[in-house]
Amino acid sequence: MKNISITELTNVIRSKNAGPYELTFDFIFKNEDIFNKIVQMDVINEELIAKLYKIPVEKVISVVAYKPAKAIKATIIRPIAAGDLGETDVYGAQQHGPLLAIEIPWEGSV
Protein backbone atom coordinates (compact mmCIF):
# COMPACT_ATOMS: atom_id res chain seq x y z
CA MET A 1 0.00 0.00 0.00
CA LYS A 2 1.28 3.47 -0.88
CA ASN A 3 0.14 6.97 -0.06
CA ILE A 4 -1.53 8.95 -2.82
CA SER A 5 -2.29 12.67 -2.95
CA ILE A 6 -5.92 13.65 -2.51
CA THR A 7 -5.51 15.66 -5.72
CA GLU A 8 -5.18 12.40 -7.69
CA LEU A 9 -8.54 11.19 -6.38
CA THR A 10 -10.61 14.34 -6.85
CA ASN A 11 -11.78 16.57 -9.67
CA VAL A 12 -12.42 19.51 -7.34
CA ILE A 13 -11.12 20.66 -3.96
CA ARG A 14 -12.43 24.07 -3.00
CA SER A 15 -13.32 26.36 -0.15
CA LYS A 16 -16.06 28.92 0.05
CA ASN A 17 -17.94 31.22 2.33
CA ALA A 18 -20.80 29.55 4.23
CA GLY A 19 -22.06 32.73 5.83
CA PRO A 20 -20.22 35.32 7.89
CA TYR A 21 -19.14 32.83 10.57
CA GLU A 22 -18.42 29.61 8.66
CA LEU A 23 -16.19 28.24 5.90
CA THR A 24 -16.99 25.13 3.93
CA PHE A 25 -14.67 22.82 2.01
CA ASP A 26 -15.70 20.49 -0.81
CA PHE A 27 -13.98 17.37 -2.09
CA ILE A 28 -15.59 16.12 -5.31
CA PHE A 29 -14.20 12.71 -6.24
CA LYS A 30 -13.43 11.41 -9.73
CA ASN A 31 -15.83 8.49 -9.56
CA GLU A 32 -18.22 6.63 -7.29
CA ASP A 33 -15.74 3.85 -6.48
CA ILE A 34 -13.15 6.32 -5.18
CA PHE A 35 -15.83 8.22 -3.24
CA ASN A 36 -17.14 5.01 -1.64
CA LYS A 37 -13.64 3.86 -0.68
CA ILE A 38 -12.79 7.22 0.92
CA VAL A 39 -16.07 7.25 2.85
CA GLN A 40 -15.50 3.67 4.04
CA MET A 41 -11.94 4.52 5.16
CA ASP A 42 -13.24 7.58 7.09
CA VAL A 43 -9.98 9.44 6.45
CA ILE A 44 -11.62 12.82 5.87
CA ASN A 45 -13.03 13.45 9.31
CA GLU A 46 -13.32 16.13 11.99
CA GLU A 47 -9.91 15.32 13.46
CA LEU A 48 -8.12 15.67 10.12
CA ILE A 49 -9.79 18.99 9.32
CA ALA A 50 -8.99 20.32 12.82
CA LYS A 51 -5.35 19.25 12.45
CA LEU A 52 -4.95 20.81 8.99
CA TYR A 53 -6.48 24.13 10.08
CA LYS A 54 -4.85 24.11 13.53
CA ILE A 55 -8.18 24.53 15.29
CA PRO A 56 -9.85 22.61 18.11
CA VAL A 57 -12.01 19.75 16.83
CA GLU A 58 -15.00 21.52 18.44
CA LYS A 59 -14.68 24.22 15.75
CA VAL A 60 -15.33 21.66 13.02
CA ILE A 61 -19.09 21.90 12.57
CA SER A 62 -19.52 18.89 10.31
CA VAL A 63 -18.01 16.52 7.80
CA VAL A 64 -20.72 15.07 5.56
CA ALA A 65 -20.62 12.63 2.65
CA TYR A 66 -23.09 13.39 -0.15
CA LYS A 67 -23.33 10.36 -2.42
CA PRO A 68 -25.30 11.90 -5.37
CA ALA A 69 -22.43 14.36 -5.94
CA LYS A 70 -19.61 11.94 -5.03
CA ALA A 71 -18.60 14.64 -2.55
CA ILE A 72 -17.55 15.23 1.03
CA LYS A 73 -18.26 18.62 2.58
CA ALA A 74 -16.54 19.86 5.73
CA THR A 75 -17.61 23.03 7.53
CA ILE A 76 -15.68 24.96 10.19
CA ILE A 77 -16.17 28.08 12.24
CA ARG A 78 -14.30 30.93 10.57
CA PRO A 79 -11.28 32.11 12.56
CA ILE A 80 -12.35 35.71 11.83
CA ALA A 81 -15.88 36.66 10.77
CA ALA A 82 -16.24 37.66 7.11
CA GLY A 83 -15.61 41.35 6.71
CA ASP A 84 -14.13 41.87 10.19
CA LEU A 85 -10.92 43.81 10.65
CA GLY A 86 -7.99 41.53 9.79
CA GLU A 87 -10.05 39.12 7.68
CA THR A 88 -8.45 38.75 4.24
CA ASP A 89 -10.76 36.47 2.25
CA VAL A 90 -14.40 37.49 2.55
CA TYR A 91 -15.47 34.90 -0.05
CA GLY A 92 -13.51 32.11 1.60
CA ALA A 93 -12.28 31.02 -1.83
CA GLN A 94 -8.58 30.93 -0.91
CA GLN A 95 -8.74 28.71 2.17
CA HIS A 96 -8.44 25.23 0.65
CA GLY A 97 -4.62 25.14 0.51
CA PRO A 98 -4.07 22.90 3.57
CA LEU A 99 -6.41 20.29 2.06
CA LEU A 100 -4.04 19.77 -0.87
CA ALA A 101 -1.48 18.18 1.48
CA ILE A 102 -3.74 15.24 2.36
CA GLU A 103 -2.17 11.86 1.62
CA ILE A 104 -4.43 8.80 1.50
CA PRO A 105 -3.20 5.22 2.00
CA TRP A 106 -4.15 3.63 -1.32
CA GLU A 107 -3.95 0.19 -2.85
CA GLY A 108 -4.52 -0.35 -6.55
CA SER A 109 -5.02 2.06 -9.40
CA VAL A 110 -7.07 5.23 -9.51
C-alpha atoms as a PDB file:
ATOM      1  CA  MET A   1       0.000   0.000   0.000  1.00  0.00           C
ATOM      2  CA  LYS A   2       1.279   3.467  -0.879  1.00  0.00           C
ATOM      3  CA  ASN A   3       0.135   6.972  -0.061  1.00  0.00           C
ATOM      4  CA  ILE A   4      -1.527   8.945  -2.822  1.00  0.00           C
ATOM      5  CA  SER A   5      -2.289  12.669  -2.950  1.00  0.00           C
ATOM      6  CA  ILE A   6      -5.921  13.651  -2.507  1.00  0.00           C
ATOM      7  CA  THR A   7      -5.514  15.658  -5.721  1.00  0.00           C
ATOM      8  CA  GLU A   8      -5.180  12.404  -7.686  1.00  0.00           C
ATOM      9  CA  LEU A   9      -8.539  11.193  -6.380  1.00  0.00           C
ATOM     10  CA  THR A  10     -10.613  14.343  -6.849  1.00  0.00           C
ATOM     11  CA  ASN A  11     -11.782  16.568  -9.673  1.00  0.00           C
ATOM     12  CA  VAL A  12     -12.416  19.508  -7.338  1.00  0.00           C
ATOM     13  CA  ILE A  13     -11.122  20.655  -3.961  1.00  0.00           C
ATOM     14  CA  ARG A  14     -12.434  24.070  -2.996  1.00  0.00           C
ATOM     15  CA  SER A  15     -13.317  26.359  -0.146  1.00  0.00           C
ATOM     16  CA  LYS A  16     -16.061  28.916   0.054  1.00  0.00           C
ATOM     17  CA  ASN A  17     -17.937  31.217   2.331  1.00  0.00           C
ATOM     18  CA  ALA A  18     -20.796  29.549   4.225  1.00  0.00           C
ATOM     19  CA  GLY A  19     -22.064  32.734   5.829  1.00  0.00           C
ATOM     20  CA  PRO A  20     -20.223  35.317   7.892  1.00  0.00           C
ATOM     21  CA  TYR A  21     -19.143  32.831  10.569  1.00  0.00           C
ATOM     22  CA  GLU A  22     -18.423  29.615   8.658  1.00  0.00           C
ATOM     23  CA  LEU A  23     -16.185  28.241   5.898  1.00  0.00           C
ATOM     24  CA  THR A  24     -16.986  25.131   3.927  1.00  0.00           C
ATOM     25  CA  PHE A  25     -14.671  22.818   2.008  1.00  0.00           C
ATOM     26  CA  ASP A  26     -15.700  20.493  -0.807  1.00  0.00           C
ATOM     27  CA  PHE A  27     -13.982  17.365  -2.094  1.00  0.00           C
ATOM     28  CA  ILE A  28     -15.588  16.123  -5.305  1.00  0.00           C
ATOM     29  CA  PHE A  29     -14.202  12.712  -6.238  1.00  0.00           C
ATOM     30  CA  LYS A  30     -13.426  11.408  -9.727  1.00  0.00           C
ATOM     31  CA  ASN A  31     -15.829   8.494  -9.558  1.00  0.00           C
ATOM     32  CA  GLU A  32     -18.215   6.629  -7.285  1.00  0.00           C
ATOM     33  CA  ASP A  33     -15.735   3.850  -6.484  1.00  0.00           C
ATOM     34  CA  ILE A  34     -13.148   6.322  -5.184  1.00  0.00           C
ATOM     35  CA  PHE A  35     -15.833   8.219  -3.239  1.00  0.00           C
ATOM     36  CA  ASN A  36     -17.137   5.007  -1.639  1.00  0.00           C
ATOM     37  CA  LYS A  37     -13.638   3.864  -0.678  1.00  0.00           C
ATOM     38  CA  ILE A  38     -12.786   7.222   0.925  1.00  0.00           C
ATOM     39  CA  VAL A  39     -16.069   7.248   2.853  1.00  0.00           C
ATOM     40  CA  GLN A  40     -15.497   3.670   4.038  1.00  0.00           C
ATOM     41  CA  MET A  41     -11.945   4.520   5.162  1.00  0.00           C
ATOM     42  CA  ASP A  42     -13.235   7.580   7.087  1.00  0.00           C
ATOM     43  CA  VAL A  43      -9.978   9.442   6.448  1.00  0.00           C
ATOM     44  CA  ILE A  44     -11.621  12.815   5.870  1.00  0.00           C
ATOM     45  CA  ASN A  45     -13.026  13.453   9.310  1.00  0.00           C
ATOM     46  CA  GLU A  46     -13.318  16.131  11.990  1.00  0.00           C
ATOM     47  CA  GLU A  47      -9.912  15.321  13.464  1.00  0.00           C
ATOM     48  CA  LEU A  48      -8.123  15.670  10.120  1.00  0.00           C
ATOM     49  CA  ILE A  49      -9.789  18.992   9.320  1.00  0.00           C
ATOM     50  CA  ALA A  50      -8.989  20.319  12.816  1.00  0.00           C
ATOM     51  CA  LYS A  51      -5.353  19.253  12.448  1.00  0.00           C
ATOM     52  CA  LEU A  52      -4.951  20.812   8.995  1.00  0.00           C
ATOM     53  CA  TYR A  53      -6.481  24.128  10.077  1.00  0.00           C
ATOM     54  CA  LYS A  54      -4.850  24.112  13.527  1.00  0.00           C
ATOM     55  CA  ILE A  55      -8.177  24.526  15.294  1.00  0.00           C
ATOM     56  CA  PRO A  56      -9.855  22.608  18.113  1.00  0.00           C
ATOM     57  CA  VAL A  57     -12.010  19.747  16.831  1.00  0.00           C
ATOM     58  CA  GLU A  58     -14.995  21.516  18.437  1.00  0.00           C
ATOM     59  CA  LYS A  59     -14.682  24.220  15.754  1.00  0.00           C
ATOM     60  CA  VAL A  60     -15.330  21.656  13.022  1.00  0.00           C
ATOM     61  CA  ILE A  61     -19.095  21.903  12.571  1.00  0.00           C
ATOM     62  CA  SER A  62     -19.524  18.894  10.306  1.00  0.00           C
ATOM     63  CA  VAL A  63     -18.011  16.520   7.795  1.00  0.00           C
ATOM     64  CA  VAL A  64     -20.723  15.067   5.556  1.00  0.00           C
ATOM     65  CA  ALA A  65     -20.619  12.630   2.646  1.00  0.00           C
ATOM     66  CA  TYR A  66     -23.093  13.387  -0.149  1.00  0.00           C
ATOM     67  CA  LYS A  67     -23.333  10.359  -2.425  1.00  0.00           C
ATOM     68  CA  PRO A  68     -25.300  11.903  -5.372  1.00  0.00           C
ATOM     69  CA  ALA A  69     -22.428  14.362  -5.935  1.00  0.00           C
ATOM     70  CA  LYS A  70     -19.608  11.937  -5.029  1.00  0.00           C
ATOM     71  CA  ALA A  71     -18.596  14.636  -2.549  1.00  0.00           C
ATOM     72  CA  ILE A  72     -17.549  15.226   1.028  1.00  0.00           C
ATOM     73  CA  LYS A  73     -18.262  18.620   2.578  1.00  0.00           C
ATOM     74  CA  ALA A  74     -16.541  19.860   5.727  1.00  0.00           C
ATOM     75  CA  THR A  75     -17.605  23.035   7.534  1.00  0.00           C
ATOM     76  CA  ILE A  76     -15.676  24.956  10.191  1.00  0.00           C
ATOM     77  CA  ILE A  77     -16.174  28.083  12.241  1.00  0.00           C
ATOM     78  CA  ARG A  78     -14.299  30.930  10.570  1.00  0.00           C
ATOM     79  CA  PRO A  79     -11.283  32.110  12.558  1.00  0.00           C
ATOM     80  CA  ILE A  80     -12.348  35.713  11.830  1.00  0.00           C
ATOM     81  CA  ALA A  81     -15.875  36.656  10.769  1.00  0.00           C
ATOM     82  CA  ALA A  82     -16.239  37.658   7.111  1.00  0.00           C
ATOM     83  CA  GLY A  83     -15.606  41.352   6.707  1.00  0.00           C
ATOM     84  CA  ASP A  84     -14.134  41.872  10.189  1.00  0.00           C
ATOM     85  CA  LEU A  85     -10.919  43.810  10.649  1.00  0.00           C
ATOM     86  CA  GLY A  86      -7.991  41.528   9.794  1.00  0.00           C
ATOM     87  CA  GLU A  87     -10.048  39.120   7.684  1.00  0.00           C
ATOM     88  CA  THR A  88      -8.450  38.752   4.235  1.00  0.00           C
ATOM     89  CA  ASP A  89     -10.758  36.466   2.245  1.00  0.00           C
ATOM     90  CA  VAL A  90     -14.403  37.494   2.552  1.00  0.00           C
ATOM     91  CA  TYR A  91     -15.468  34.903  -0.052  1.00  0.00           C
ATOM     92  CA  GLY A  92     -13.513  32.108   1.596  1.00  0.00           C
ATOM     93  CA  ALA A  93     -12.277  31.016  -1.827  1.00  0.00           C
ATOM     94  CA  GLN A  94      -8.582  30.933  -0.912  1.00  0.00           C
ATOM     95  CA  GLN A  95      -8.743  28.710   2.174  1.00  0.00           C
ATOM     96  CA  HIS A  96      -8.437  25.228   0.646  1.00  0.00           C
ATOM     97  CA  GLY A  97      -4.619  25.135   0.512  1.00  0.00           C
ATOM     98  CA  PRO A  98      -4.073  22.902   3.566  1.00  0.00           C
ATOM     99  CA  LEU A  99      -6.405  20.288   2.059  1.00  0.00           C
ATOM    100  CA  LEU A 100      -4.038  19.767  -0.869  1.00  0.00           C
ATOM    101  CA  ALA A 101      -1.478  18.182   1.477  1.00  0.00           C
ATOM    102  CA  ILE A 102      -3.741  15.241   2.364  1.00  0.00           C
ATOM    103  CA  GLU A 103      -2.171  11.864   1.623  1.00  0.00           C
ATOM    104  CA  ILE A 104      -4.433   8.802   1.498  1.00  0.00           C
ATOM    105  CA  PRO A 105      -3.195   5.217   2.004  1.00  0.00           C
ATOM    106  CA  TRP A 106      -4.154   3.629  -1.323  1.00  0.00           C
ATOM    107  CA  GLU A 107      -3.952   0.191  -2.854  1.00  0.00           C
ATOM    108  CA  GLY A 108      -4.525  -0.352  -6.547  1.00  0.00           C
ATOM    109  CA  SER A 109      -5.019   2.060  -9.397  1.00  0.00           C
ATOM    110  CA  VAL A 110      -7.069   5.230  -9.514  1.00  0.00           C
END
